[in-house]
Amino acid sequence: MLAESTAGGTALLAAGAATFTGPAAFSGGGVLTIGGGQSPATGTGAALTPASLILATMQQNTAGVPVQAA
């Protein structure tokens, strides 16, 4: 892991697993919003690979869906 103080540059570079306390931002991420009542969604701008992980967080509880909202 590398941590350095640079003006507007990389502050932390981890090769492997890392644990963060507090806010974290990731350069390879993206956001896809699916509106209420919508089902399928397609997004662009994130280069996904077979090893990519996707985190989806529900914002509201929905009747009949066993996953609870955050």
Protein backbone atom coordinates (compact mmCIF):
# COMPACT_ATOMS: atom_id res chain seq x y z
CA MET A 1 0.00 0.00 0.00
CA LEU A 2 1.27 3.48 -0.86
CA ALA A 3 0.07 6.67 0.81
CA GLU A 4 1.55 10.03 -0.03
CA SER A 5 0.59 13.69 0.12
CA THR A 6 0.40 15.12 -3.38
CA ALA A 7 -1.44 18.20 -4.60
CA GLY A 8 -4.42 16.88 -6.54
CA GLY A 9 -2.77 13.49 -7.11
CA THR A 10 -3.07 10.00 -5.72
CA ALA A 11 -3.30 9.98 -1.93
CA LEU A 12 -3.61 6.22 -1.48
CA LEU A 13 -2.86 3.27 -3.75
CA ALA A 14 -3.56 -0.25 -2.47
CA ALA A 15 -2.44 -3.41 -4.22
CA GLY A 16 -4.75 -5.98 -2.66
CA ALA A 17 -7.45 -5.76 -0.02
CA ALA A 18 -7.87 -2.52 1.95
CA THR A 19 -10.12 -1.39 4.81
CA PHE A 20 -11.44 2.18 5.01
CA THR A 21 -13.01 4.09 7.87
CA GLY A 22 -15.03 7.04 6.59
CA PRO A 23 -15.83 8.14 3.02
CA ALA A 24 -13.99 6.53 0.11
CA ALA A 25 -14.09 7.29 -3.64
CA PHE A 26 -13.17 4.83 -6.38
CA SER A 27 -12.12 5.78 -9.91
CA GLY A 28 -13.52 2.63 -11.50
CA GLY A 29 -17.04 3.11 -10.22
CA GLY A 30 -20.22 4.44 -11.69
CA VAL A 31 -23.84 5.09 -10.85
CA LEU A 32 -26.92 3.73 -12.58
CA THR A 33 -30.27 4.94 -11.25
CA ILE A 34 -33.37 2.85 -11.84
CA GLY A 35 -36.56 4.80 -11.19
CA GLY A 36 -39.50 3.52 -9.20
CA GLY A 37 -41.68 1.17 -11.22
CA GLN A 38 -38.88 0.56 -13.73
CA SER A 39 -37.49 -2.90 -14.30
CA PRO A 40 -34.62 -3.21 -16.78
CA ALA A 41 -31.78 -0.70 -16.92
CA THR A 42 -28.74 -0.30 -19.18
CA GLY A 43 -25.71 1.83 -18.38
CA THR A 44 -22.50 2.88 -20.10
CA GLY A 45 -19.18 4.25 -18.93
CA ALA A 46 -18.09 1.43 -16.61
CA ALA A 47 -15.75 -1.13 -18.16
CA LEU A 48 -17.01 -4.37 -16.63
CA THR A 49 -15.10 -7.64 -16.78
CA PRO A 50 -16.03 -11.17 -15.69
CA ALA A 51 -14.25 -10.36 -12.39
CA SER A 52 -16.26 -7.15 -11.78
CA LEU A 53 -18.39 -6.84 -8.65
CA ILE A 54 -21.61 -4.82 -8.66
CA LEU A 55 -23.29 -3.43 -5.54
CA ALA A 56 -26.96 -2.54 -5.84
CA THR A 57 -28.64 -0.77 -2.92
CA MET A 58 -32.41 -0.45 -2.70
CA GLN A 59 -33.56 2.95 -1.47
CA GLN A 60 -37.11 1.94 -0.49
CA ASN A 61 -38.67 -1.27 0.77
CA THR A 62 -40.93 -2.92 -1.80
CA ALA A 63 -43.77 -5.31 -0.96
CA GLY A 64 -43.00 -8.85 -2.11
CA VAL A 65 -39.25 -8.24 -2.38
CA PRO A 66 -37.33 -10.01 0.40
CA VAL A 67 -34.37 -7.58 0.28
CA GLN A 68 -34.56 -4.66 2.72
CA ALA A 69 -33.66 -1.09 1.69
CA ALA A 70 -30.61 0.65 3.10
